[in-house]
Amino acid sequence: MKFKKNDKVVIVKTNDLWENKKGKILADFNDGEITDETKDYLVKVYFDGDRFIIQTFNEANLELIDVVENINESKKMNTKDFIHDYVYLNDLDEKEIPSWFFIDRLSTAENITNDAVIEAAKKLNYKLFMIKQNQYKKIIVAAPKCEIDTIYDEYANHLLGFAEVIELPHEKEK
């Protein structure tokens, strides 16, 4: 795989202190321009926040972070229903009440992308809604028994002006 300058990478298959460290591609190993023949790269490797070391790595020891994060997201989606606790509230008797939650907040809390949350919601048969008002658009995930009126009552009716809540249809994934 060829990398470009400023690609975010993770170091893999080194079995040493570099393993799983994250970094950024700076240049070809000799501080030159990256070409199709480039096999070794200068990587700015990050340690504990703002500390870093510039180190040379072979392309076999680098993976794009997006690839690694997508693998982690897939594993997370296949292991458990991480959405449940966000879309159900408990009353004083510990009875579950169906509710809803913003996709972007859930993805931030779970450290995954919005798309991964949407895919998991579809796979786990949760409802998806879009709240629209002029330029404002937000996607939410809701418990299967959460009604559209609940979303209006708890959020959309409190926005200034007219807000519309639309249920987003989705096909069940096979």
N, C-alpha and C. Protein backbone atom coordinates (compact mmCIF):
# COMPACT_ATOMS: atom_id res chain seq x y z
N MET A 1 0.85 -1.19 0.00
CA MET A 1 0.00 0.00 0.00
C MET A 1 0.88 1.23 0.00
N LYS A 2 0.54 2.16 -0.81
CA LYS A 2 1.28 3.41 -0.87
C LYS A 2 0.60 4.44 0.04
N PHE A 3 1.42 5.16 0.76
CA PHE A 3 0.91 6.19 1.66
C PHE A 3 1.23 7.57 1.09
N LYS A 4 0.47 8.54 1.53
CA LYS A 4 0.69 9.92 1.11
C LYS A 4 1.15 10.72 2.33
N LYS A 5 1.76 11.86 2.05
CA LYS A 5 2.17 12.77 3.11
C LYS A 5 0.95 13.14 3.94
N ASN A 6 1.10 13.15 5.25
CA ASN A 6 0.08 13.50 6.25
C ASN A 6 -0.96 12.40 6.50
N ASP A 7 -0.81 11.22 5.87
CA ASP A 7 -1.70 10.11 6.20
C ASP A 7 -1.48 9.74 7.67
N LYS A 8 -2.57 9.47 8.36
CA LYS A 8 -2.49 9.02 9.75
C LYS A 8 -2.38 7.51 9.73
N VAL A 9 -1.39 7.00 10.46
CA VAL A 9 -1.11 5.57 10.43
C VAL A 9 -0.95 5.01 11.84
N VAL A 10 -1.02 3.69 11.92
CA VAL A 10 -0.70 2.98 13.14
C VAL A 10 0.42 2.01 12.79
N ILE A 11 1.38 1.84 13.72
CA ILE A 11 2.51 0.95 13.50
C ILE A 11 2.09 -0.46 13.91
N VAL A 12 2.34 -1.43 13.02
CA VAL A 12 1.93 -2.82 13.27
C VAL A 12 3.07 -3.78 12.98
N LYS A 13 2.93 -5.00 13.48
CA LYS A 13 3.85 -6.12 13.18
C LYS A 13 5.31 -5.81 13.53
N THR A 14 5.53 -5.07 14.61
CA THR A 14 6.91 -4.81 15.03
C THR A 14 7.27 -5.58 16.30
N ASN A 15 6.26 -5.94 17.09
CA ASN A 15 6.46 -6.68 18.35
C ASN A 15 7.48 -6.01 19.26
N ASP A 16 7.45 -4.68 19.28
CA ASP A 16 8.34 -3.94 20.17
C ASP A 16 7.62 -2.71 20.69
N LEU A 17 8.35 -1.74 21.18
CA LEU A 17 7.72 -0.56 21.77
C LEU A 17 6.92 0.26 20.77
N TRP A 18 7.15 0.07 19.47
CA TRP A 18 6.43 0.84 18.46
C TRP A 18 5.04 0.29 18.18
N GLU A 19 4.81 -0.97 18.50
CA GLU A 19 3.55 -1.64 18.18
C GLU A 19 2.34 -0.83 18.66
N ASN A 20 1.40 -0.60 17.74
CA ASN A 20 0.12 0.11 17.98
C ASN A 20 0.26 1.59 18.28
N LYS A 21 1.45 2.15 18.11
CA LYS A 21 1.60 3.61 18.25
C LYS A 21 1.04 4.27 16.99
N LYS A 22 0.49 5.46 17.17
CA LYS A 22 -0.07 6.20 16.04
C LYS A 22 0.89 7.28 15.60
N GLY A 23 0.81 7.59 14.31
CA GLY A 23 1.70 8.61 13.79
C GLY A 23 1.18 9.21 12.50
N LYS A 24 2.03 10.02 11.88
CA LYS A 24 1.67 10.71 10.64
C LYS A 24 2.85 10.60 9.68
N ILE A 25 2.54 10.27 8.42
CA ILE A 25 3.56 10.17 7.38
C ILE A 25 4.09 11.58 7.09
N LEU A 26 5.44 11.71 7.13
CA LEU A 26 6.05 13.01 6.84
C LEU A 26 6.65 13.06 5.43
N ALA A 27 7.38 11.99 5.08
CA ALA A 27 8.10 12.01 3.80
C ALA A 27 8.66 10.62 3.52
N ASP A 28 9.36 10.52 2.39
CA ASP A 28 10.13 9.33 2.07
C ASP A 28 11.23 9.20 3.14
N PHE A 29 11.80 8.00 3.33
CA PHE A 29 12.75 7.78 4.42
C PHE A 29 13.96 8.70 4.39
N ASN A 30 14.36 9.16 3.20
CA ASN A 30 15.51 10.07 3.13
C ASN A 30 15.06 11.52 3.10
N ASP A 31 13.88 11.77 3.65
CA ASP A 31 13.29 13.11 3.76
C ASP A 31 12.98 13.70 2.39
N GLY A 32 12.79 12.81 1.42
CA GLY A 32 12.46 13.25 0.07
C GLY A 32 10.98 13.12 -0.21
N GLU A 33 10.63 13.36 -1.46
CA GLU A 33 9.23 13.28 -1.87
C GLU A 33 8.80 11.83 -2.01
N ILE A 34 7.58 11.53 -1.62
CA ILE A 34 7.04 10.18 -1.72
C ILE A 34 6.70 9.89 -3.17
N THR A 35 7.19 8.72 -3.66
CA THR A 35 6.92 8.31 -5.03
C THR A 35 6.32 6.90 -5.02
N ASP A 36 6.03 6.37 -6.19
CA ASP A 36 5.51 5.00 -6.30
C ASP A 36 6.54 3.97 -5.84
N GLU A 37 7.81 4.32 -5.85
CA GLU A 37 8.86 3.40 -5.43
C GLU A 37 9.14 3.45 -3.93
N THR A 38 8.53 4.38 -3.22
CA THR A 38 8.79 4.53 -1.79
C THR A 38 8.35 3.27 -1.04
N LYS A 39 9.27 2.72 -0.25
CA LYS A 39 8.99 1.55 0.59
C LYS A 39 9.13 1.88 2.07
N ASP A 40 10.02 2.85 2.37
CA ASP A 40 10.27 3.25 3.75
C ASP A 40 9.87 4.72 3.91
N TYR A 41 9.24 4.99 5.04
CA TYR A 41 8.68 6.32 5.27
C TYR A 41 9.19 6.91 6.58
N LEU A 42 9.33 8.22 6.60
CA LEU A 42 9.57 8.94 7.85
C LEU A 42 8.21 9.18 8.49
N VAL A 43 8.08 8.75 9.74
CA VAL A 43 6.80 8.84 10.44
C VAL A 43 7.00 9.61 11.74
N LYS A 44 6.13 10.56 11.97
CA LYS A 44 6.12 11.29 13.23
C LYS A 44 5.23 10.48 14.17
N VAL A 45 5.85 9.80 15.15
CA VAL A 45 5.14 8.89 16.06
C VAL A 45 4.85 9.63 17.36
N TYR A 46 3.60 9.57 17.78
CA TYR A 46 3.16 10.32 18.96
C TYR A 46 3.23 9.47 20.23
N PHE A 47 3.71 10.09 21.30
CA PHE A 47 3.76 9.49 22.63
C PHE A 47 3.11 10.45 23.61
N ASP A 48 2.26 9.96 24.46
CA ASP A 48 1.68 10.76 25.56
C ASP A 48 1.36 12.20 25.19
N GLY A 49 0.39 12.37 24.33
CA GLY A 49 -0.08 13.71 24.00
C GLY A 49 0.77 14.41 22.97
N ASP A 50 1.56 15.40 23.41
CA ASP A 50 2.28 16.25 22.46
C ASP A 50 3.73 15.82 22.24
N ARG A 51 4.19 14.74 22.85
CA ARG A 51 5.55 14.26 22.62
C ARG A 51 5.57 13.38 21.37
N PHE A 52 6.65 13.47 20.61
CA PHE A 52 6.75 12.66 19.40
C PHE A 52 8.21 12.35 19.08
N ILE A 53 8.38 11.32 18.25
CA ILE A 53 9.69 10.93 17.74
C ILE A 53 9.52 10.69 16.25
N ILE A 54 10.50 11.14 15.46
CA ILE A 54 10.46 10.87 14.02
C ILE A 54 11.31 9.62 13.78
N GLN A 55 10.67 8.61 13.17
CA GLN A 55 11.30 7.30 12.99
C GLN A 55 10.99 6.78 11.60
N THR A 56 11.88 5.98 11.03
CA THR A 56 11.66 5.36 9.72
C THR A 56 10.97 4.01 9.90
N PHE A 57 9.95 3.76 9.07
CA PHE A 57 9.24 2.48 9.07
C PHE A 57 9.01 2.02 7.65
N ASN A 58 9.07 0.70 7.47
CA ASN A 58 8.76 0.09 6.19
C ASN A 58 7.26 0.07 6.02
N GLU A 59 6.79 0.11 4.77
CA GLU A 59 5.35 0.13 4.49
C GLU A 59 4.64 -1.10 5.08
N ALA A 60 5.35 -2.22 5.24
CA ALA A 60 4.76 -3.44 5.80
C ALA A 60 4.39 -3.25 7.27
N ASN A 61 4.99 -2.25 7.92
CA ASN A 61 4.71 -2.00 9.34
C ASN A 61 3.77 -0.83 9.57
N LEU A 62 3.07 -0.40 8.52
CA LEU A 62 2.17 0.74 8.63
C LEU A 62 0.79 0.38 8.09
N GLU A 63 -0.23 0.84 8.77
CA GLU A 63 -1.61 0.71 8.28
C GLU A 63 -2.30 2.05 8.48
N LEU A 64 -3.14 2.41 7.52
CA LEU A 64 -3.93 3.62 7.67
C LEU A 64 -4.83 3.50 8.88
N ILE A 65 -4.94 4.54 9.65
CA ILE A 65 -5.78 4.49 10.85
C ILE A 65 -7.23 4.22 10.49
N ASP A 66 -7.73 4.76 9.39
CA ASP A 66 -9.12 4.51 9.00
C ASP A 66 -9.39 3.02 8.87
N VAL A 67 -8.44 2.27 8.31
CA VAL A 67 -8.60 0.83 8.15
C VAL A 67 -8.70 0.16 9.52
N VAL A 68 -7.80 0.52 10.43
CA VAL A 68 -7.79 -0.06 11.76
C VAL A 68 -9.06 0.30 12.52
N GLU A 69 -9.50 1.58 12.43
CA GLU A 69 -10.71 1.99 13.14
C GLU A 69 -11.94 1.27 12.59
N ASN A 70 -12.01 1.06 11.28
CA ASN A 70 -13.14 0.33 10.71
C ASN A 70 -13.18 -1.11 11.22
N ILE A 71 -12.02 -1.73 11.36
CA ILE A 71 -11.97 -3.10 11.89
C ILE A 71 -12.45 -3.09 13.34
N ASN A 72 -11.98 -2.14 14.14
CA ASN A 72 -12.41 -2.05 15.53
C ASN A 72 -13.91 -1.79 15.63
N GLU A 73 -14.44 -0.93 14.76
CA GLU A 73 -15.87 -0.65 14.77
C GLU A 73 -16.67 -1.90 14.43
N SER A 74 -16.20 -2.66 13.45
CA SER A 74 -16.90 -3.89 13.07
C SER A 74 -16.90 -4.88 14.22
N LYS A 75 -15.77 -5.01 14.89
CA LYS A 75 -15.71 -5.91 16.04
C LYS A 75 -16.67 -5.46 17.13
N LYS A 76 -16.72 -4.16 17.39
CA LYS A 76 -17.59 -3.62 18.42
C LYS A 76 -19.05 -3.87 18.08
N MET A 77 -19.41 -3.66 16.80
CA MET A 77 -20.80 -3.85 16.39
C MET A 77 -21.20 -5.32 16.47
N ASN A 78 -20.26 -6.24 16.25
CA ASN A 78 -20.59 -7.65 16.28
C ASN A 78 -20.60 -8.24 17.68
N THR A 79 -20.02 -7.55 18.66
CA THR A 79 -19.90 -8.14 19.98
C THR A 79 -21.09 -7.86 20.88
N LYS A 80 -21.71 -6.69 20.78
CA LYS A 80 -22.81 -6.41 21.70
C LYS A 80 -23.68 -5.28 21.18
N ASP A 81 -24.81 -5.14 21.82
CA ASP A 81 -25.73 -4.04 21.51
C ASP A 81 -25.32 -2.85 22.37
N PHE A 82 -24.45 -2.01 21.83
CA PHE A 82 -23.97 -0.84 22.58
C PHE A 82 -24.96 0.31 22.56
N ILE A 83 -26.02 0.21 21.76
CA ILE A 83 -27.00 1.30 21.63
C ILE A 83 -28.04 1.27 22.76
N HIS A 84 -28.36 0.08 23.24
CA HIS A 84 -29.46 -0.12 24.19
C HIS A 84 -29.47 0.88 25.35
N ASP A 85 -28.34 1.02 26.03
CA ASP A 85 -28.30 1.88 27.22
C ASP A 85 -28.52 3.36 26.90
N TYR A 86 -28.35 3.75 25.66
CA TYR A 86 -28.55 5.14 25.27
C TYR A 86 -30.02 5.44 24.95
N VAL A 87 -30.77 4.43 24.54
CA VAL A 87 -32.14 4.68 24.07
C VAL A 87 -33.22 4.13 24.99
N TYR A 88 -32.84 3.72 26.18
CA TYR A 88 -33.83 3.31 27.18
C TYR A 88 -33.53 4.04 28.48
N LEU A 89 -34.57 4.56 29.10
CA LEU A 89 -34.46 5.20 30.40
C LEU A 89 -35.10 4.28 31.42
N ASN A 90 -34.69 4.38 32.68
CA ASN A 90 -35.31 3.60 33.74
C ASN A 90 -36.11 4.53 34.65
N ASP A 91 -37.36 4.14 34.95
CA ASP A 91 -38.15 4.94 35.87
C ASP A 91 -37.80 4.54 37.30
N LEU A 92 -38.52 5.08 38.28
CA LEU A 92 -38.21 4.81 39.69
C LEU A 92 -38.37 3.34 40.06
N ASP A 93 -39.20 2.63 39.33
CA ASP A 93 -39.40 1.20 39.59
C ASP A 93 -38.45 0.34 38.75
N GLU A 94 -37.45 0.96 38.14
CA GLU A 94 -36.49 0.28 37.27
C GLU A 94 -37.13 -0.34 36.04
N LYS A 95 -38.28 0.18 35.63
CA LYS A 95 -38.92 -0.25 34.40
C LYS A 95 -38.30 0.54 33.25
N GLU A 96 -37.97 -0.16 32.15
CA GLU A 96 -37.38 0.51 31.01
C GLU A 96 -38.42 1.26 30.20
N ILE A 97 -38.07 2.49 29.85
CA ILE A 97 -38.94 3.34 29.04
C ILE A 97 -38.21 3.60 27.72
N PRO A 98 -38.86 3.28 26.58
CA PRO A 98 -38.20 3.53 25.29
C PRO A 98 -37.99 5.02 25.07
N SER A 99 -36.80 5.37 24.58
CA SER A 99 -36.46 6.77 24.35
C SER A 99 -35.59 6.86 23.10
N TRP A 100 -34.81 7.94 22.99
CA TRP A 100 -34.01 8.21 21.81
C TRP A 100 -32.72 8.92 22.22
N PHE A 101 -31.76 9.02 21.24
CA PHE A 101 -30.48 9.66 21.52
C PHE A 101 -29.89 10.16 20.20
N PHE A 102 -29.16 11.26 20.24
CA PHE A 102 -28.52 11.80 19.05
C PHE A 102 -27.39 10.88 18.58
N ILE A 103 -27.37 10.60 17.27
CA ILE A 103 -26.33 9.74 16.67
C ILE A 103 -24.94 10.31 16.91
N ASP A 104 -24.76 11.61 16.69
CA ASP A 104 -23.41 12.18 16.82
C ASP A 104 -22.88 12.12 18.25
N ARG A 105 -23.75 12.26 19.22
CA ARG A 105 -23.30 12.16 20.62
C ARG A 105 -22.96 10.72 20.98
N LEU A 106 -23.75 9.78 20.47
CA LEU A 106 -23.49 8.37 20.72
C LEU A 106 -22.17 7.95 20.08
N SER A 107 -21.93 8.40 18.86
CA SER A 107 -20.68 8.03 18.18
C SER A 107 -19.47 8.60 18.90
N THR A 108 -19.60 9.82 19.43
CA THR A 108 -18.52 10.42 20.20
C THR A 108 -18.27 9.63 21.48
N ALA A 109 -19.33 9.28 22.17
CA ALA A 109 -19.21 8.53 23.43
C ALA A 109 -18.58 7.16 23.21
N GLU A 110 -18.90 6.52 22.09
CA GLU A 110 -18.40 5.18 21.81
C GLU A 110 -17.11 5.19 20.98
N ASN A 111 -16.67 6.39 20.58
CA ASN A 111 -15.45 6.55 19.79
C ASN A 111 -15.50 5.78 18.47
N ILE A 112 -16.63 5.90 17.77
CA ILE A 112 -16.80 5.31 16.44
C ILE A 112 -17.45 6.35 15.55
N THR A 113 -17.57 6.07 14.27
CA THR A 113 -18.15 7.04 13.35
C THR A 113 -19.67 7.03 13.41
N ASN A 114 -20.28 8.11 12.94
CA ASN A 114 -21.73 8.19 12.84
C ASN A 114 -22.27 7.06 11.97
N ASP A 115 -21.58 6.79 10.86
CA ASP A 115 -22.02 5.73 9.95
C ASP A 115 -22.03 4.37 10.63
N ALA A 116 -21.06 4.12 11.49
CA ALA A 116 -21.01 2.84 12.21
C ALA A 116 -22.20 2.70 13.15
N VAL A 117 -22.59 3.81 13.80
CA VAL A 117 -23.75 3.77 14.68
C VAL A 117 -25.02 3.52 13.87
N ILE A 118 -25.14 4.20 12.74
CA ILE A 118 -26.32 4.01 11.88
C ILE A 118 -26.40 2.57 11.39
N GLU A 119 -25.27 2.01 10.96
CA GLU A 119 -25.27 0.62 10.50
C GLU A 119 -25.67 -0.32 11.62
N ALA A 120 -25.14 -0.10 12.82
CA ALA A 120 -25.49 -0.95 13.96
C ALA A 120 -26.97 -0.81 14.31
N ALA A 121 -27.49 0.41 14.26
CA ALA A 121 -28.90 0.65 14.56
C ALA A 121 -29.79 -0.12 13.59
N LYS A 122 -29.43 -0.11 12.32
CA LYS A 122 -30.19 -0.86 11.32
C LYS A 122 -30.12 -2.36 11.60
N LYS A 123 -28.92 -2.82 11.86
CA LYS A 123 -28.71 -4.25 12.11
C LYS A 123 -29.46 -4.72 13.35
N LEU A 124 -29.54 -3.86 14.37
CA LEU A 124 -30.18 -4.23 15.63
C LEU A 124 -31.66 -3.81 15.68
N ASN A 125 -32.18 -3.34 14.55
CA ASN A 125 -33.60 -2.98 14.40
C ASN A 125 -34.07 -1.82 15.28
N TYR A 126 -33.19 -0.83 15.47
CA TYR A 126 -33.61 0.40 16.13
C TYR A 126 -34.21 1.32 15.07
N LYS A 127 -35.00 2.28 15.51
CA LYS A 127 -35.57 3.26 14.59
C LYS A 127 -34.57 4.40 14.40
N LEU A 128 -34.62 4.99 13.21
CA LEU A 128 -33.81 6.18 12.92
C LEU A 128 -34.75 7.30 12.50
N PHE A 129 -34.48 8.50 13.02
CA PHE A 129 -35.28 9.67 12.70
C PHE A 129 -34.35 10.81 12.32
N MET A 130 -34.88 11.74 11.52
CA MET A 130 -34.16 12.98 11.24
C MET A 130 -35.02 14.13 11.72
N ILE A 131 -34.41 15.03 12.46
CA ILE A 131 -35.08 16.25 12.89
C ILE A 131 -34.57 17.36 11.97
N LYS A 132 -35.50 18.03 11.29
CA LYS A 132 -35.13 19.08 10.34
C LYS A 132 -35.82 20.39 10.71
N GLN A 133 -35.06 21.44 10.61
CA GLN A 133 -35.61 22.79 10.76
C GLN A 133 -34.68 23.74 10.02
N ASN A 134 -35.17 24.30 8.93
CA ASN A 134 -34.35 25.14 8.06
C ASN A 134 -33.05 24.42 7.70
N GLN A 135 -31.90 24.97 8.08
CA GLN A 135 -30.60 24.36 7.78
C GLN A 135 -30.19 23.31 8.81
N TYR A 136 -30.90 23.25 9.92
CA TYR A 136 -30.58 22.34 11.02
C TYR A 136 -31.08 20.94 10.71
N LYS A 137 -30.19 19.95 10.80
CA LYS A 137 -30.57 18.55 10.61
C LYS A 137 -29.81 17.72 11.61
N LYS A 138 -30.51 16.85 12.30
CA LYS A 138 -29.89 15.93 13.25
C LYS A 138 -30.51 14.57 13.07
N ILE A 139 -29.69 13.54 13.11
CA ILE A 139 -30.20 12.17 13.04
C ILE A 139 -30.16 11.59 14.45
N ILE A 140 -31.22 10.89 14.79
CA ILE A 140 -31.29 10.26 16.10
C ILE A 140 -31.62 8.78 15.93
N VAL A 141 -31.25 8.01 16.94
CA VAL A 141 -31.60 6.60 17.01
C VAL A 141 -32.59 6.46 18.16
N ALA A 142 -33.58 5.60 17.97
CA ALA A 142 -34.62 5.44 18.98
C ALA A 142 -34.91 3.96 19.22
N ALA A 143 -35.39 3.68 20.42
CA ALA A 143 -35.83 2.33 20.75
C ALA A 143 -36.95 1.93 19.80
N PRO A 144 -37.09 0.66 19.49
CA PRO A 144 -38.12 0.22 18.54
C PRO A 144 -39.54 0.67 18.91
N LYS A 145 -39.83 0.79 20.19
CA LYS A 145 -41.18 1.19 20.59
C LYS A 145 -41.31 2.68 20.89
N CYS A 146 -40.27 3.45 20.61
CA CYS A 146 -40.33 4.90 20.81
C CYS A 146 -41.16 5.51 19.68
N GLU A 147 -42.13 6.31 20.04
CA GLU A 147 -43.03 6.91 19.06
C GLU A 147 -42.50 8.27 18.62
N ILE A 148 -42.87 8.68 17.43
CA ILE A 148 -42.47 9.96 16.88
C ILE A 148 -42.96 11.12 17.75
N ASP A 149 -44.14 10.94 18.39
CA ASP A 149 -44.68 11.98 19.28
C ASP A 149 -43.75 12.23 20.47
N THR A 150 -43.08 11.21 20.93
CA THR A 150 -42.13 11.37 22.04
C THR A 150 -41.02 12.33 21.65
N ILE A 151 -40.52 12.19 20.43
CA ILE A 151 -39.43 13.05 19.96
C ILE A 151 -39.92 14.49 19.81
N TYR A 152 -41.14 14.66 19.30
CA TYR A 152 -41.71 16.00 19.21
C TYR A 152 -41.84 16.60 20.61
N ASP A 153 -42.41 15.84 21.53
CA ASP A 153 -42.67 16.34 22.89
C ASP A 153 -41.39 16.66 23.65
N GLU A 154 -40.39 15.83 23.50
CA GLU A 154 -39.17 15.99 24.29
C GLU A 154 -38.15 16.94 23.66
N TYR A 155 -38.23 17.16 22.34
CA TYR A 155 -37.20 17.98 21.72
C TYR A 155 -37.70 18.91 20.63
N ALA A 156 -38.28 18.34 19.58
CA ALA A 156 -38.57 19.12 18.37
C ALA A 156 -39.52 20.28 18.63
N ASN A 157 -40.52 20.11 19.48
CA ASN A 157 -41.46 21.19 19.76
C ASN A 157 -40.82 22.34 20.53
N HIS A 158 -39.65 22.13 21.08
CA HIS A 158 -38.98 23.18 21.85
C HIS A 158 -38.00 24.00 21.01
N LEU A 159 -37.81 23.60 19.76
CA LEU A 159 -36.96 24.39 18.87
C LEU A 159 -37.74 25.61 18.40
N LEU A 160 -37.06 26.70 18.18
CA LEU A 160 -37.73 27.89 17.68
C LEU A 160 -38.16 27.67 16.23
N GLY A 161 -39.39 27.99 15.92
CA GLY A 161 -39.89 27.78 14.57
C GLY A 161 -40.44 26.37 14.41
N PHE A 162 -40.78 26.03 13.20
CA PHE A 162 -41.37 24.73 12.92
C PHE A 162 -40.29 23.70 12.65
N ALA A 163 -40.28 22.63 13.42
CA ALA A 163 -39.34 21.53 13.22
C ALA A 163 -40.12 20.31 12.77
N GLU A 164 -39.52 19.55 11.89
CA GLU A 164 -40.16 18.35 11.37
C GLU A 164 -39.35 17.12 11.77
N VAL A 165 -40.04 16.08 12.22
CA VAL A 165 -39.39 14.82 12.56
C VAL A 165 -39.82 13.80 11.52
N ILE A 166 -38.84 13.17 10.88
CA ILE A 166 -39.12 12.22 9.82
C ILE A 166 -38.50 10.88 10.19
N GLU A 167 -39.29 9.81 10.14
CA GLU A 167 -38.72 8.49 10.36
C GLU A 167 -37.98 8.06 9.10
N LEU A 168 -36.76 7.60 9.27
CA LEU A 168 -35.95 7.17 8.15
C LEU A 168 -36.13 5.67 7.95
N PRO A 169 -36.65 5.28 6.81
CA PRO A 169 -36.83 3.85 6.58
C PRO A 169 -35.48 3.18 6.34
N HIS A 170 -35.39 1.95 6.75
CA HIS A 170 -34.18 1.19 6.44
C HIS A 170 -34.52 -0.28 6.30
N GLU A 171 -33.76 -0.89 5.41
CA GLU A 171 -33.94 -2.30 5.20
C GLU A 171 -33.10 -3.05 6.20
N LYS A 172 -33.61 -4.18 6.65
CA LYS A 172 -32.84 -5.00 7.57
C LYS A 172 -31.67 -5.60 6.80
N GLU A 173 -30.49 -5.55 7.46
CA GLU A 173 -29.32 -6.15 6.82
C GLU A 173 -29.39 -7.65 6.98
N LYS A 174 -28.93 -8.35 5.97
CA LYS A 174 -28.98 -9.82 6.00
C LYS A 174 -27.70 -10.40 6.50
